[in-house]
Amino acid sequence: MRNIYEIDISETASSGAWSVNSPKLVSCHLKQIIIKAATDSTTFDVNITDWKDNIVFTTDTKATGTHRQELEVPLKDINTLSVSNSSADEAFTGKIVVEES
């Protein structure tokens, strides 16, 4: 049986951006990402970079209010989740869900 972990997110944008590092992951897959801005009309981009600074996930278009996506992206080690180009400096909440491989 594979373990599934939820990593909660609670950050506030400053100058339209914020970032947070994951705990060190050992051979996992990113299964779901949910990022919600405090205001439904706020637009923003979401990115995840790995420990080598490679972009492993990026939104194709700006999210508005909430970005919710199911995916299958391999992750390991420490990864950085970031929001950029936010149309407002406000609170964001959400989670990422990872499953051990």
Protein backbone atom coordinates (compact mmCIF):
# COMPACT_ATOMS: atom_id res chain seq x y z
CA MET A 1 0.00 0.00 0.00
CA ARG A 2 1.35 3.41 -0.96
CA ASN A 3 1.20 6.29 1.49
CA ILE A 4 -0.49 9.51 0.45
CA TYR A 5 0.53 12.81 2.06
CA GLU A 6 -1.16 16.20 2.02
CA ILE A 7 1.09 19.24 2.35
CA ASP A 8 -0.93 22.25 3.42
CA ILE A 9 -0.19 25.70 2.03
CA SER A 10 -0.87 29.06 3.66
CA GLU A 11 1.14 31.97 2.23
CA THR A 12 0.67 35.66 1.51
CA ALA A 13 1.83 37.28 -1.72
CA SER A 14 4.20 40.22 -1.59
CA SER A 15 4.85 42.12 -4.83
CA GLY A 16 2.64 39.51 -6.54
CA ALA A 17 4.62 36.42 -5.50
CA TRP A 18 5.37 33.86 -2.81
CA SER A 19 7.20 30.54 -2.60
CA VAL A 20 7.50 27.68 -0.13
CA ASN A 21 9.71 24.58 -0.03
CA SER A 22 8.36 21.08 0.39
CA PRO A 23 9.74 18.71 2.97
CA LYS A 24 12.37 16.34 1.55
CA LEU A 25 10.50 13.79 -0.56
CA VAL A 26 11.71 10.30 -1.41
CA SER A 27 10.42 9.02 -4.74
CA CYS A 28 6.91 10.47 -4.83
CA HIS A 29 4.36 11.52 -7.42
CA LEU A 30 2.49 14.79 -7.25
CA LYS A 31 -1.16 13.78 -7.55
CA GLN A 32 -3.11 16.98 -6.92
CA ILE A 33 -2.52 20.69 -6.50
CA ILE A 34 -5.04 23.17 -5.13
CA ILE A 35 -4.15 26.84 -4.68
CA LYS A 36 -6.89 29.30 -3.71
CA ALA A 37 -6.53 33.07 -3.58
CA ALA A 38 -8.50 35.02 -0.97
CA THR A 39 -10.41 36.78 -3.76
CA ASP A 40 -12.19 34.93 -6.58
CA SER A 41 -11.03 37.46 -9.19
CA THR A 42 -7.30 37.28 -8.39
CA THR A 43 -5.21 35.92 -11.27
CA PHE A 44 -1.88 34.14 -10.77
CA ASP A 45 0.63 31.63 -12.15
CA VAL A 46 1.69 28.44 -10.34
CA ASN A 47 5.12 26.78 -10.72
CA ILE A 48 6.99 23.92 -9.09
CA THR A 49 10.75 23.63 -9.42
CA ASP A 50 12.91 20.74 -8.27
CA TRP A 51 16.13 20.71 -6.25
CA LYS A 52 18.13 21.35 -9.45
CA ASP A 53 16.00 24.40 -10.30
CA ASN A 54 14.24 22.59 -13.17
CA ILE A 55 10.61 23.57 -13.71
CA VAL A 56 8.61 20.36 -13.22
CA PHE A 57 5.17 21.98 -13.31
CA THR A 58 3.77 25.29 -14.56
CA THR A 59 0.28 26.51 -15.37
CA ASP A 60 -0.31 27.00 -19.08
CA THR A 61 -2.63 29.92 -18.46
CA LYS A 62 -3.19 32.17 -15.46
CA ALA A 63 -5.47 30.78 -12.78
CA THR A 64 -8.37 32.93 -11.61
CA GLY A 65 -9.39 32.54 -7.97
CA THR A 66 -8.51 28.85 -7.63
CA HIS A 67 -6.14 26.51 -9.43
CA ARG A 68 -7.15 22.86 -9.04
CA GLN A 69 -5.49 20.10 -11.04
CA GLU A 70 -5.04 16.33 -10.90
CA LEU A 71 -1.67 15.20 -12.23
CA GLU A 72 1.06 12.58 -12.22
CA VAL A 73 4.42 14.33 -11.82
CA PRO A 74 7.40 12.50 -10.29
CA LEU A 75 9.07 14.39 -7.44
CA LYS A 76 11.96 13.75 -5.11
CA ASP A 77 14.07 15.74 -2.68
CA ILE A 78 13.06 19.32 -1.86
CA ASN A 79 10.81 21.13 -4.35
CA THR A 80 9.68 24.75 -4.42
CA LEU A 81 6.04 25.65 -5.02
CA SER A 82 5.55 29.25 -6.07
CA VAL A 83 2.89 31.69 -7.13
CA SER A 84 3.94 34.57 -9.36
CA ASN A 85 2.33 37.40 -11.29
CA SER A 86 -0.52 37.62 -8.79
CA SER A 87 -2.87 40.48 -9.52
CA ALA A 88 -3.20 41.14 -5.74
CA ASP A 89 -1.03 40.85 -2.65
CA GLU A 90 -3.27 38.67 -0.52
CA ALA A 91 -3.48 35.34 1.30
CA PHE A 92 -3.40 32.04 -0.56
CA THR A 93 -4.33 28.66 0.87
CA GLY A 94 -4.42 25.13 -0.48
CA LYS A 95 -2.52 21.89 -0.58
CA ILE A 96 -0.50 19.54 -2.68
CA VAL A 97 -1.06 15.81 -2.48
CA VAL A 98 1.86 13.43 -3.04
CA GLU A 99 1.90 9.63 -3.19
CA GLU A 100 4.93 7.49 -2.44
CA SER A 101 6.13 5.53 -5.45
